[in-house]
């Protein structure tokens, strides 16, 4: 499914999003709606504890994500940047 127009719409009350990995590395993700409009970016950071920032299309940080235990995602903490 390379073309987002092939993806069926979401059920009533839900929003369907398309998530694509930048450079195929899986750390940074572009999230768009079915029309291809940017919704958010997930900026992943490498290290012993996985971290990421969820940003809106302008680069404003919406959430901070932090994992635990040497990169094994047994728990994920989500906090706002405030």
N, C-alpha and C. Protein backbone atom coordinates (compact mmCIF):
# COMPACT_ATOMS: atom_id res chain seq x y z
N UNK A 1 0.82 -1.18 0.00
CA UNK A 1 0.00 0.00 0.00
C UNK A 1 0.87 1.25 0.00
N UNK A 2 1.35 1.64 -1.10
CA UNK A 2 2.22 2.80 -1.16
C UNK A 2 1.43 4.10 -1.26
N UNK A 3 0.20 4.05 -1.73
CA UNK A 3 -0.60 5.25 -1.90
C UNK A 3 -1.63 5.35 -0.77
N UNK A 4 -1.63 6.48 -0.04
CA UNK A 4 -2.54 6.61 1.09
C UNK A 4 -4.00 6.61 0.68
N UNK A 5 -4.32 6.86 -0.59
CA UNK A 5 -5.71 6.84 -1.02
C UNK A 5 -6.27 5.42 -1.03
N UNK A 6 -5.42 4.41 -0.98
CA UNK A 6 -5.87 3.02 -0.95
C UNK A 6 -6.33 2.59 0.45
N UNK A 7 -6.01 3.38 1.47
CA UNK A 7 -6.33 3.01 2.83
C UNK A 7 -7.78 3.39 3.11
N UNK A 8 -8.59 2.45 3.62
CA UNK A 8 -9.99 2.79 3.89
C UNK A 8 -10.12 3.81 5.01
N UNK A 9 -11.22 4.56 5.00
CA UNK A 9 -11.47 5.55 6.03
C UNK A 9 -11.68 4.91 7.39
N UNK A 10 -11.66 5.73 8.42
CA UNK A 10 -11.82 5.25 9.79
C UNK A 10 -13.29 5.05 10.12
N UNK A 11 -13.53 4.27 11.15
CA UNK A 11 -14.89 4.06 11.65
C UNK A 11 -15.41 5.37 12.23
N UNK A 12 -16.70 5.55 12.31
CA UNK A 12 -17.26 6.79 12.88
C UNK A 12 -16.69 7.07 14.27
N UNK A 13 -16.28 8.33 14.48
CA UNK A 13 -15.72 8.72 15.77
C UNK A 13 -14.22 8.48 15.90
N UNK A 14 -13.59 7.90 14.90
CA UNK A 14 -12.15 7.61 14.92
C UNK A 14 -11.47 8.39 13.80
N UNK A 15 -10.16 8.57 13.93
CA UNK A 15 -9.36 9.20 12.89
C UNK A 15 -8.28 8.23 12.46
N UNK A 16 -8.16 8.02 11.18
CA UNK A 16 -7.12 7.13 10.67
C UNK A 16 -5.92 7.98 10.28
N UNK A 17 -4.74 7.58 10.73
CA UNK A 17 -3.50 8.29 10.43
C UNK A 17 -2.53 7.37 9.72
N UNK A 18 -1.64 7.96 8.95
CA UNK A 18 -0.60 7.21 8.25
C UNK A 18 0.73 7.53 8.92
N UNK A 19 1.44 6.51 9.36
CA UNK A 19 2.73 6.68 10.04
C UNK A 19 3.81 6.11 9.13
N UNK A 20 4.79 6.96 8.82
CA UNK A 20 5.91 6.53 7.97
C UNK A 20 7.22 6.82 8.69
N UNK A 21 8.13 5.87 8.61
CA UNK A 21 9.45 6.02 9.22
C UNK A 21 10.33 6.84 8.31
N UNK A 22 11.02 7.83 8.90
CA UNK A 22 12.00 8.60 8.14
C UNK A 22 13.23 7.73 7.91
N UNK A 23 13.73 7.68 6.72
CA UNK A 23 14.94 6.93 6.37
C UNK A 23 14.86 5.45 6.70
N UNK A 24 13.67 4.93 7.01
CA UNK A 24 13.50 3.51 7.30
C UNK A 24 14.18 3.04 8.57
N UNK A 25 14.56 3.96 9.45
CA UNK A 25 15.29 3.58 10.66
C UNK A 25 14.36 3.29 11.84
N UNK A 26 13.12 3.74 11.81
CA UNK A 26 12.19 3.44 12.87
C UNK A 26 12.27 4.35 14.08
N UNK A 27 13.23 5.29 14.12
CA UNK A 27 13.35 6.18 15.27
C UNK A 27 12.55 7.46 15.09
N UNK A 28 12.54 7.99 13.89
CA UNK A 28 11.80 9.21 13.59
C UNK A 28 10.62 8.85 12.69
N UNK A 29 9.45 9.39 13.04
CA UNK A 29 8.24 9.05 12.31
C UNK A 29 7.51 10.30 11.85
N UNK A 30 7.00 10.27 10.63
CA UNK A 30 6.11 11.31 10.13
C UNK A 30 4.69 10.76 10.21
N UNK A 31 3.77 11.54 10.77
CA UNK A 31 2.38 11.13 10.89
C UNK A 31 1.54 12.10 10.09
N UNK A 32 0.69 11.57 9.20
CA UNK A 32 -0.16 12.42 8.37
C UNK A 32 -1.56 11.86 8.33
N UNK A 33 -2.51 12.69 7.87
CA UNK A 33 -3.87 12.20 7.68
C UNK A 33 -3.94 11.50 6.32
N UNK A 34 -5.11 10.99 5.98
CA UNK A 34 -5.25 10.23 4.73
C UNK A 34 -5.06 11.09 3.49
N UNK A 35 -5.18 12.41 3.62
CA UNK A 35 -4.97 13.31 2.48
C UNK A 35 -3.49 13.69 2.34
N UNK A 36 -2.65 13.22 3.25
CA UNK A 36 -1.22 13.51 3.19
C UNK A 36 -0.80 14.76 3.95
N UNK A 37 -1.74 15.38 4.67
CA UNK A 37 -1.41 16.57 5.45
C UNK A 37 -0.66 16.18 6.72
N UNK A 38 0.47 16.84 7.04
CA UNK A 38 1.21 16.51 8.26
C UNK A 38 0.37 16.74 9.51
N UNK A 39 0.41 15.80 10.43
CA UNK A 39 -0.32 15.91 11.69
C UNK A 39 0.66 16.08 12.85
N UNK A 40 1.72 15.26 12.83
CA UNK A 40 2.74 15.35 13.87
C UNK A 40 4.00 14.62 13.42
N UNK A 41 5.06 14.84 14.18
CA UNK A 41 6.34 14.19 13.96
C UNK A 41 6.77 13.58 15.28
N UNK A 42 7.26 12.35 15.24
CA UNK A 42 7.84 11.72 16.42
C UNK A 42 9.35 11.69 16.20
N UNK A 43 10.07 12.43 17.06
CA UNK A 43 11.52 12.55 16.97
C UNK A 43 12.14 11.63 18.00
N UNK A 44 12.58 10.45 17.57
CA UNK A 44 13.14 9.45 18.47
C UNK A 44 14.61 9.70 18.76
N UNK A 45 15.02 9.38 19.97
CA UNK A 45 16.41 9.53 20.40
C UNK A 45 16.97 8.16 20.76
N UNK A 46 18.18 7.89 20.32
CA UNK A 46 18.83 6.62 20.65
C UNK A 46 19.50 6.71 22.01
N UNK A 47 19.64 5.57 22.67
CA UNK A 47 20.34 5.51 23.95
C UNK A 47 19.89 4.29 24.73
N UNK A 48 20.40 4.15 25.94
CA UNK A 48 20.03 2.99 26.76
C UNK A 48 18.59 3.06 27.21
N UNK A 49 18.03 4.25 27.31
CA UNK A 49 16.62 4.44 27.65
C UNK A 49 15.95 5.15 26.47
N UNK A 50 15.00 4.49 25.79
CA UNK A 50 14.41 5.12 24.61
C UNK A 50 13.65 6.39 24.99
N UNK A 51 13.84 7.43 24.18
CA UNK A 51 13.17 8.71 24.39
C UNK A 51 12.67 9.21 23.05
N UNK A 52 11.64 10.03 23.10
CA UNK A 52 11.13 10.65 21.88
C UNK A 52 10.35 11.90 22.26
N UNK A 53 10.23 12.78 21.29
CA UNK A 53 9.36 13.95 21.42
C UNK A 53 8.30 13.86 20.34
N UNK A 54 7.06 14.13 20.71
CA UNK A 54 5.98 14.22 19.75
C UNK A 54 5.79 15.71 19.48
N UNK A 55 5.93 16.10 18.21
CA UNK A 55 5.87 17.51 17.83
C UNK A 55 4.74 17.74 16.84
N UNK A 56 4.16 18.94 16.87
CA UNK A 56 3.18 19.29 15.85
C UNK A 56 3.96 19.64 14.57
N UNK A 57 3.27 19.88 13.44
CA UNK A 57 3.98 20.14 12.19
C UNK A 57 4.91 21.36 12.22
N UNK A 58 4.71 22.29 13.16
CA UNK A 58 5.58 23.47 13.25
C UNK A 58 6.81 23.22 14.10
N UNK A 59 6.90 22.05 14.74
CA UNK A 59 8.04 21.73 15.60
C UNK A 59 7.80 21.96 17.08
N UNK A 60 6.61 22.42 17.45
CA UNK A 60 6.26 22.63 18.85
C UNK A 60 6.13 21.27 19.54
N UNK A 61 6.83 21.08 20.66
CA UNK A 61 6.79 19.81 21.38
C UNK A 61 5.44 19.68 22.10
N UNK A 62 4.73 18.58 21.81
CA UNK A 62 3.44 18.31 22.44
C UNK A 62 3.60 17.37 23.63
N UNK A 63 4.44 16.35 23.49
CA UNK A 63 4.64 15.34 24.53
C UNK A 63 6.08 14.86 24.53
N UNK A 64 6.54 14.43 25.69
CA UNK A 64 7.82 13.74 25.84
C UNK A 64 7.51 12.27 26.13
N UNK A 65 8.21 11.37 25.48
CA UNK A 65 8.06 9.94 25.71
C UNK A 65 9.38 9.41 26.27
N UNK A 66 9.29 8.54 27.27
CA UNK A 66 10.50 7.96 27.85
C UNK A 66 10.23 6.52 28.22
N UNK A 67 11.09 5.62 27.74
CA UNK A 67 10.96 4.21 28.05
C UNK A 67 11.85 3.82 29.22
N UNK A 68 11.85 2.56 29.56
CA UNK A 68 12.63 2.05 30.69
C UNK A 68 13.45 0.83 30.29
N UNK A 69 14.45 0.52 31.07
CA UNK A 69 15.20 -0.73 31.04
C UNK A 69 15.89 -1.03 29.72
N UNK A 70 16.97 -0.34 29.45
CA UNK A 70 17.88 -0.67 28.34
C UNK A 70 17.17 -0.82 27.00
N UNK A 71 16.18 -0.01 26.73
CA UNK A 71 15.53 -0.03 25.44
C UNK A 71 14.42 -1.04 25.28
N UNK A 72 14.16 -1.87 26.28
CA UNK A 72 13.05 -2.83 26.20
C UNK A 72 11.80 -2.09 26.66
N UNK A 73 10.82 -1.91 25.77
CA UNK A 73 9.66 -1.08 26.09
C UNK A 73 8.66 -1.76 27.01
N UNK A 74 9.07 -2.04 28.25
CA UNK A 74 8.15 -2.65 29.21
C UNK A 74 7.20 -1.61 29.79
N UNK A 75 7.62 -0.35 29.77
CA UNK A 75 6.82 0.74 30.30
C UNK A 75 7.17 2.01 29.53
N UNK A 76 6.18 2.82 29.22
CA UNK A 76 6.42 4.06 28.51
C UNK A 76 5.76 5.19 29.28
N UNK A 77 6.53 6.19 29.65
CA UNK A 77 6.03 7.35 30.37
C UNK A 77 5.82 8.49 29.39
N UNK A 78 4.63 9.09 29.39
CA UNK A 78 4.31 10.20 28.51
C UNK A 78 4.03 11.42 29.37
N UNK A 79 4.77 12.51 29.10
CA UNK A 79 4.57 13.75 29.86
C UNK A 79 4.44 14.92 28.91
N UNK A 80 3.73 15.96 29.35
CA UNK A 80 3.67 17.17 28.52
C UNK A 80 4.90 18.01 28.80
N UNK A 81 5.25 18.91 27.90
CA UNK A 81 6.50 19.65 28.04
C UNK A 81 6.46 20.73 29.12
N UNK A 82 5.31 20.97 29.75
CA UNK A 82 5.17 22.04 30.74
C UNK A 82 5.78 21.76 32.08
